[in-house]
Amino acid sequence: MIDSQLRPSGVNADYVLRRMGEVPREEYVPAAVRDIAYMDRAIALENGGWLSAPLVQGMLLQEADPSMQDSAIVVDGGSGYLAELLRPLVGTLTVLSPEEALGGGQQGEGASLLLVDGAAEELPKGLIDRLGDGARIVTGTLDSGISRIAVGRKSGGGISLLPVLDAGVPRIADFDKPKGWSF
């Protein structure tokens, strides 16, 4: 995984390679698919969630550039793997399901870093409100069926994101834009 998927694709940060070498992906998938835990595709989980491909999670972690001064939130895609990769690299960590991220709440309030383990058409206001001003955001985005990894910041109550890599990031249906009429 490290030498055949991550390094050739530009994921070379020492802390990312170390953590991805330390945390066994096969422990985060159902027993029936443990033999494919390292393939370069997302793996469907029994709970309806996904374990994103190694490249996606490696790139999310590298773009996050976490530090022990960070108070981080991870919106979990269903596996818990990204949260486990990040846990020893930040001061505090709050893990939210997509459903928990939709609602208001104070878990993770004032966070300086947000990682979303999945692709969102839009990030929920309740989640953005939990971030401190200037917080870094690393997420998957979904636009016209194309998923990308994007980075950005929160400023003045809103967010701005810049795509950095087209990637097969699993969609978080809870973060779809409301559908309506258009002409």
C-alpha atoms as a PDB file:
ATOM      1  CA  MET A   1       0.000   0.000   0.000  1.00  0.00           C
ATOM      2  CA  ILE A   2       2.690   2.481   0.995  1.00  0.00           C
ATOM      3  CA  ASP A   3       5.092   1.782  -1.853  1.00  0.00           C
ATOM      4  CA  SER A   4       2.560   0.946  -4.577  1.00  0.00           C
ATOM      5  CA  GLN A   5      -0.327   3.352  -3.859  1.00  0.00           C
ATOM      6  CA  LEU A   6       0.629   6.189  -1.530  1.00  0.00           C
ATOM      7  CA  ARG A   7       4.169   7.215  -2.488  1.00  0.00           C
ATOM      8  CA  PRO A   8       3.611   7.093  -6.298  1.00  0.00           C
ATOM      9  CA  SER A   9       0.524   9.294  -5.853  1.00  0.00           C
ATOM     10  CA  GLY A  10       2.290  11.989  -3.828  1.00  0.00           C
ATOM     11  CA  VAL A  11       1.442  10.919  -0.276  1.00  0.00           C
ATOM     12  CA  ASN A  12       4.918  11.105   1.234  1.00  0.00           C
ATOM     13  CA  ALA A  13       4.550  12.821   4.621  1.00  0.00           C
ATOM     14  CA  ASP A  14       6.428  10.737   7.173  1.00  0.00           C
ATOM     15  CA  TYR A  15       3.655  10.893   9.776  1.00  0.00           C
ATOM     16  CA  VAL A  16       1.065   9.664   7.241  1.00  0.00           C
ATOM     17  CA  LEU A  17       3.189   6.735   6.070  1.00  0.00           C
ATOM     18  CA  ARG A  18       4.050   5.843   9.679  1.00  0.00           C
ATOM     19  CA  ARG A  19       0.428   5.877  10.854  1.00  0.00           C
ATOM     20  CA  MET A  20      -0.840   3.978   7.819  1.00  0.00           C
ATOM     21  CA  GLY A  21       1.863   1.379   8.448  1.00  0.00           C
ATOM     22  CA  GLU A  22       0.921   1.102  12.142  1.00  0.00           C
ATOM     23  CA  VAL A  23      -2.886   0.884  11.903  1.00  0.00           C
ATOM     24  CA  PRO A  24      -4.033  -2.360  10.230  1.00  0.00           C
ATOM     25  CA  ARG A  25      -6.833  -1.557   7.735  1.00  0.00           C
ATOM     26  CA  GLU A  26      -8.116  -5.130   7.883  1.00  0.00           C
ATOM     27  CA  GLU A  27      -9.382  -4.490  11.424  1.00  0.00           C
ATOM     28  CA  TYR A  28     -11.794  -1.863  10.069  1.00  0.00           C
ATOM     29  CA  VAL A  29     -13.666  -4.024   7.540  1.00  0.00           C
ATOM     30  CA  PRO A  30     -15.937  -7.071   7.861  1.00  0.00           C
ATOM     31  CA  ALA A  31     -14.117 -10.406   8.174  1.00  0.00           C
ATOM     32  CA  ALA A  32     -15.400 -11.503   4.759  1.00  0.00           C
ATOM     33  CA  VAL A  33     -13.434  -8.733   2.978  1.00  0.00           C
ATOM     34  CA  ARG A  34     -10.271  -8.551   5.084  1.00  0.00           C
ATOM     35  CA  ASP A  35      -8.237  -9.999   2.218  1.00  0.00           C
ATOM     36  CA  ILE A  36      -9.034  -6.913   0.094  1.00  0.00           C
ATOM     37  CA  ALA A  37      -8.616  -4.273   2.826  1.00  0.00           C
ATOM     38  CA  TYR A  38      -5.602  -2.770   1.042  1.00  0.00           C
ATOM     39  CA  MET A  39      -7.020  -2.553  -2.483  1.00  0.00           C
ATOM     40  CA  ASP A  40      -7.102   0.865  -4.118  1.00  0.00           C
ATOM     41  CA  ARG A  41     -10.896   1.148  -4.033  1.00  0.00           C
ATOM     42  CA  ALA A  42     -13.464   1.986  -1.355  1.00  0.00           C
ATOM     43  CA  ILE A  43     -14.911  -0.999   0.487  1.00  0.00           C
ATOM     44  CA  ALA A  44     -18.610  -1.163   1.409  1.00  0.00           C
ATOM     45  CA  LEU A  45     -19.204  -1.903   5.088  1.00  0.00           C
ATOM     46  CA  GLU A  46     -22.057  -3.804   6.721  1.00  0.00           C
ATOM     47  CA  ASN A  47     -23.298  -0.632   8.467  1.00  0.00           C
ATOM     48  CA  GLY A  48     -23.921   1.130   5.128  1.00  0.00           C
ATOM     49  CA  GLY A  49     -20.721   3.157   5.411  1.00  0.00           C
ATOM     50  CA  TRP A  50     -17.443   2.906   3.541  1.00  0.00           C
ATOM     51  CA  LEU A  51     -13.757   2.424   4.114  1.00  0.00           C
ATOM     52  CA  SER A  52     -12.264   4.872   1.631  1.00  0.00           C
ATOM     53  CA  ALA A  53      -9.335   3.815  -0.545  1.00  0.00           C
ATOM     54  CA  PRO A  54      -5.889   4.157   1.063  1.00  0.00           C
ATOM     55  CA  LEU A  55      -4.971   7.033  -1.275  1.00  0.00           C
ATOM     56  CA  VAL A  56      -8.062   9.024  -0.245  1.00  0.00           C
ATOM     57  CA  GLN A  57      -7.414   8.642   3.475  1.00  0.00           C
ATOM     58  CA  GLY A  58      -3.677   9.202   3.083  1.00  0.00           C
ATOM     59  CA  MET A  59      -4.266  12.392   1.090  1.00  0.00           C
ATOM     60  CA  LEU A  60      -6.884  13.657   3.582  1.00  0.00           C
ATOM     61  CA  LEU A  61      -4.411  13.152   6.419  1.00  0.00           C
ATOM     62  CA  GLN A  62      -1.494  14.705   4.525  1.00  0.00           C
ATOM     63  CA  GLU A  63      -3.502  17.777   3.482  1.00  0.00           C
ATOM     64  CA  ALA A  64      -4.717  18.196   7.082  1.00  0.00           C
ATOM     65  CA  ASP A  65      -1.145  18.601   8.371  1.00  0.00           C
ATOM     66  CA  PRO A  66      -2.290  17.955  11.961  1.00  0.00           C
ATOM     67  CA  SER A  67      -0.469  19.096  15.085  1.00  0.00           C
ATOM     68  CA  MET A  68      -0.805  18.521  18.812  1.00  0.00           C
ATOM     69  CA  GLN A  69      -2.240  22.057  19.087  1.00  0.00           C
ATOM     70  CA  ASP A  70      -5.246  21.031  16.976  1.00  0.00           C
ATOM     71  CA  SER A  71      -8.675  20.324  18.331  1.00  0.00           C
ATOM     72  CA  ALA A  72     -10.000  18.137  15.509  1.00  0.00           C
ATOM     73  CA  ILE A  73     -13.327  16.800  14.289  1.00  0.00           C
ATOM     74  CA  VAL A  74     -13.569  13.763  12.037  1.00  0.00           C
ATOM     75  CA  VAL A  75     -16.855  13.042  10.316  1.00  0.00           C
ATOM     76  CA  ASP A  76     -16.554   9.276  10.070  1.00  0.00           C
ATOM     77  CA  GLY A  77     -17.472   7.505   6.836  1.00  0.00           C
ATOM     78  CA  GLY A  78     -18.428   4.403   8.792  1.00  0.00           C
ATOM     79  CA  SER A  79     -15.150   2.566   9.408  1.00  0.00           C
ATOM     80  CA  GLY A  80     -13.422   4.523  12.196  1.00  0.00           C
ATOM     81  CA  TYR A  81     -10.087   4.103  10.375  1.00  0.00           C
ATOM     82  CA  LEU A  82      -9.400   7.774   9.582  1.00  0.00           C
ATOM     83  CA  ALA A  83     -10.135   8.764  13.185  1.00  0.00           C
ATOM     84  CA  GLU A  84      -7.683   6.126  14.437  1.00  0.00           C
ATOM     85  CA  LEU A  85      -5.005   7.380  12.031  1.00  0.00           C
ATOM     86  CA  LEU A  86      -5.474  10.950  13.294  1.00  0.00           C
ATOM     87  CA  ARG A  87      -5.960  10.311  17.044  1.00  0.00           C
ATOM     88  CA  PRO A  88      -2.306  10.500  18.258  1.00  0.00           C
ATOM     89  CA  LEU A  89      -1.485  13.415  15.928  1.00  0.00           C
ATOM     90  CA  VAL A  90      -3.855  15.993  17.501  1.00  0.00           C
ATOM     91  CA  GLY A  91      -4.496  17.400  20.953  1.00  0.00           C
ATOM     92  CA  THR A  92      -8.184  16.461  21.056  1.00  0.00           C
ATOM     93  CA  LEU A  93     -10.412  14.508  18.687  1.00  0.00           C
ATOM     94  CA  THR A  94     -14.174  14.440  18.327  1.00  0.00           C
ATOM     95  CA  VAL A  95     -15.623  11.776  16.035  1.00  0.00           C
ATOM     96  CA  LEU A  96     -19.068  12.402  14.573  1.00  0.00           C
ATOM     97  CA  SER A  97     -21.306  10.315  12.357  1.00  0.00           C
ATOM     98  CA  PRO A  98     -22.825  12.150   9.375  1.00  0.00           C
ATOM     99  CA  GLU A  99     -26.148  12.185  11.249  1.00  0.00           C
ATOM    100  CA  GLU A 100     -24.527  13.809  14.311  1.00  0.00           C
ATOM    101  CA  ALA A 101     -22.783  16.347  12.065  1.00  0.00           C
ATOM    102  CA  LEU A 102     -26.142  17.448  10.613  1.00  0.00           C
ATOM    103  CA  GLY A 103     -27.522  18.597  13.919  1.00  0.00           C
ATOM    104  CA  GLY A 104     -26.416  21.374  16.142  1.00  0.00           C
ATOM    105  CA  GLY A 105     -24.374  20.462  19.122  1.00  0.00           C
ATOM    106  CA  GLN A 106     -21.375  21.415  21.096  1.00  0.00           C
ATOM    107  CA  GLN A 107     -19.199  18.354  20.527  1.00  0.00           C
ATOM    108  CA  GLY A 108     -15.965  19.629  19.062  1.00  0.00           C
ATOM    109  CA  GLU A 109     -17.004  23.282  19.408  1.00  0.00           C
ATOM    110  CA  GLY A 110     -14.198  25.666  18.457  1.00  0.00           C
ATOM    111  CA  ALA A 111     -12.323  22.973  16.513  1.00  0.00           C
ATOM    112  CA  SER A 112      -9.277  24.067  14.524  1.00  0.00           C
ATOM    113  CA  LEU A 113      -9.358  21.137  12.066  1.00  0.00           C
ATOM    114  CA  LEU A 114     -12.152  19.276  10.285  1.00  0.00           C
ATOM    115  CA  LEU A 115     -11.671  16.094   8.261  1.00  0.00           C
ATOM    116  CA  VAL A 116     -14.647  14.599   6.455  1.00  0.00           C
ATOM    117  CA  ASP A 117     -14.188  10.965   5.431  1.00  0.00           C
ATOM    118  CA  GLY A 118     -16.469  11.127   2.407  1.00  0.00           C
ATOM    119  CA  ALA A 119     -17.708  13.370  -0.384  1.00  0.00           C
ATOM    120  CA  ALA A 120     -20.261  16.091   0.349  1.00  0.00           C
ATOM    121  CA  GLU A 121     -22.289  18.244  -2.009  1.00  0.00           C
ATOM    122  CA  GLU A 122     -22.383  20.753   0.850  1.00  0.00           C
ATOM    123  CA  LEU A 123     -21.193  20.707   4.427  1.00  0.00           C
ATOM    124  CA  PRO A 124     -24.003  21.165   6.961  1.00  0.00           C
ATOM    125  CA  LYS A 125     -24.287  24.481   8.773  1.00  0.00           C
ATOM    126  CA  GLY A 126     -24.420  22.666  12.120  1.00  0.00           C
ATOM    127  CA  LEU A 127     -21.009  21.186  11.387  1.00  0.00           C
ATOM    128  CA  ILE A 128     -19.476  24.461  10.183  1.00  0.00           C
ATOM    129  CA  ASP A 129     -20.775  26.193  13.317  1.00  0.00           C
ATOM    130  CA  ARG A 130     -18.652  23.836  15.459  1.00  0.00           C
ATOM    131  CA  LEU A 131     -15.443  25.183  13.895  1.00  0.00           C
ATOM    132  CA  GLY A 132     -13.404  28.081  15.187  1.00  0.00           C
ATOM    133  CA  ASP A 133     -12.667  31.007  12.878  1.00  0.00           C
ATOM    134  CA  GLY A 134      -9.708  30.131  10.659  1.00  0.00           C
ATOM    135  CA  ALA A 135     -10.231  26.387  11.102  1.00  0.00           C
ATOM    136  CA  ARG A 136      -8.724  24.185   8.393  1.00  0.00           C
ATOM    137  CA  ILE A 137     -11.061  21.902   6.450  1.00  0.00           C
ATOM    138  CA  VAL A 138     -10.124  18.796   4.465  1.00  0.00           C
ATOM    139  CA  THR A 139     -13.029  17.003   2.841  1.00  0.00           C
ATOM    140  CA  GLY A 140     -14.283  15.156  -0.140  1.00  0.00           C
ATOM    141  CA  THR A 141     -16.564  17.184  -2.385  1.00  0.00           C
ATOM    142  CA  LEU A 142     -19.116  16.035  -4.926  1.00  0.00           C
ATOM    143  CA  ASP A 143     -20.098  18.187  -7.893  1.00  0.00           C
ATOM    144  CA  SER A 144     -21.987  16.892 -10.937  1.00  0.00           C
ATOM    145  CA  GLY A 145     -21.014  13.334 -10.049  1.00  0.00           C
ATOM    146  CA  ILE A 146     -17.281  14.113  -9.757  1.00  0.00           C
ATOM    147  CA  SER A 147     -15.654  13.584  -6.364  1.00  0.00           C
ATOM    148  CA  ARG A 148     -12.557  15.440  -5.300  1.00  0.00           C
ATOM    149  CA  ILE A 149     -10.480  16.074  -2.218  1.00  0.00           C
ATOM    150  CA  ALA A 150     -10.646  19.739  -1.260  1.00  0.00           C
ATOM    151  CA  VAL A 151      -9.003  21.928   1.351  1.00  0.00           C
ATOM    152  CA  GLY A 152     -10.175  25.191   2.817  1.00  0.00           C
ATOM    153  CA  ARG A 153     -10.823  27.397   5.802  1.00  0.00           C
ATOM    154  CA  LYS A 154     -13.660  28.795   7.821  1.00  0.00           C
ATOM    155  CA  SER A 155     -13.826  32.582   7.893  1.00  0.00           C
ATOM    156  CA  GLY A 156     -16.568  34.909   8.998  1.00  0.00           C
ATOM    157  CA  GLY A 157     -19.103  32.125   9.471  1.00  0.00           C
ATOM    158  CA  GLY A 158     -18.641  30.682   5.969  1.00  0.00           C
ATOM    159  CA  ILE A 159     -16.196  28.350   4.312  1.00  0.00           C
ATOM    160  CA  SER A 160     -14.115  28.394   1.164  1.00  0.00           C
ATOM    161  CA  LEU A 161     -12.817  25.195  -0.443  1.00  0.00           C
ATOM    162  CA  LEU A 162     -10.245  24.576  -3.166  1.00  0.00           C
ATOM    163  CA  PRO A 163     -10.122  21.191  -4.934  1.00  0.00           C
ATOM    164  CA  VAL A 164      -6.669  19.557  -4.857  1.00  0.00           C
ATOM    165  CA  LEU A 165      -7.215  16.070  -6.313  1.00  0.00           C
ATOM    166  CA  ASP A 166      -9.852  14.220  -8.314  1.00  0.00           C
ATOM    167  CA  ALA A 167     -10.378  10.981  -6.390  1.00  0.00           C
ATOM    168  CA  GLY A 168     -12.958   8.269  -5.852  1.00  0.00           C
ATOM    169  CA  VAL A 169     -14.279   9.551  -2.546  1.00  0.00           C
ATOM    170  CA  PRO A 170     -17.421   7.721  -1.326  1.00  0.00           C
ATOM    171  CA  ARG A 171     -20.515   9.958  -1.207  1.00  0.00           C
ATOM    172  CA  ILE A 172     -22.131  10.916   2.091  1.00  0.00           C
ATOM    173  CA  ALA A 173     -25.811  11.019   1.123  1.00  0.00           C
ATOM    174  CA  ASP A 174     -26.682  12.970   4.290  1.00  0.00           C
ATOM    175  CA  PHE A 175     -24.624  15.877   2.902  1.00  0.00           C
ATOM    176  CA  ASP A 176     -26.453  16.125  -0.438  1.00  0.00           C
ATOM    177  CA  LYS A 177     -27.875  19.531  -1.381  1.00  0.00           C
ATOM    178  CA  PRO A 178     -31.649  19.751  -1.086  1.00  0.00           C
ATOM    179  CA  LYS A 179     -33.233  18.974  -4.442  1.00  0.00           C
ATOM    180  CA  GLY A 180     -35.515  21.505  -6.079  1.00  0.00           C
ATOM    181  CA  TRP A 181     -36.731  22.862  -9.368  1.00  0.00           C
ATOM    182  CA  SER A 182     -34.326  24.405 -11.812  1.00  0.00           C
ATOM    183  CA  PHE A 183     -34.745  25.799 -15.308  1.00  0.00           C
END
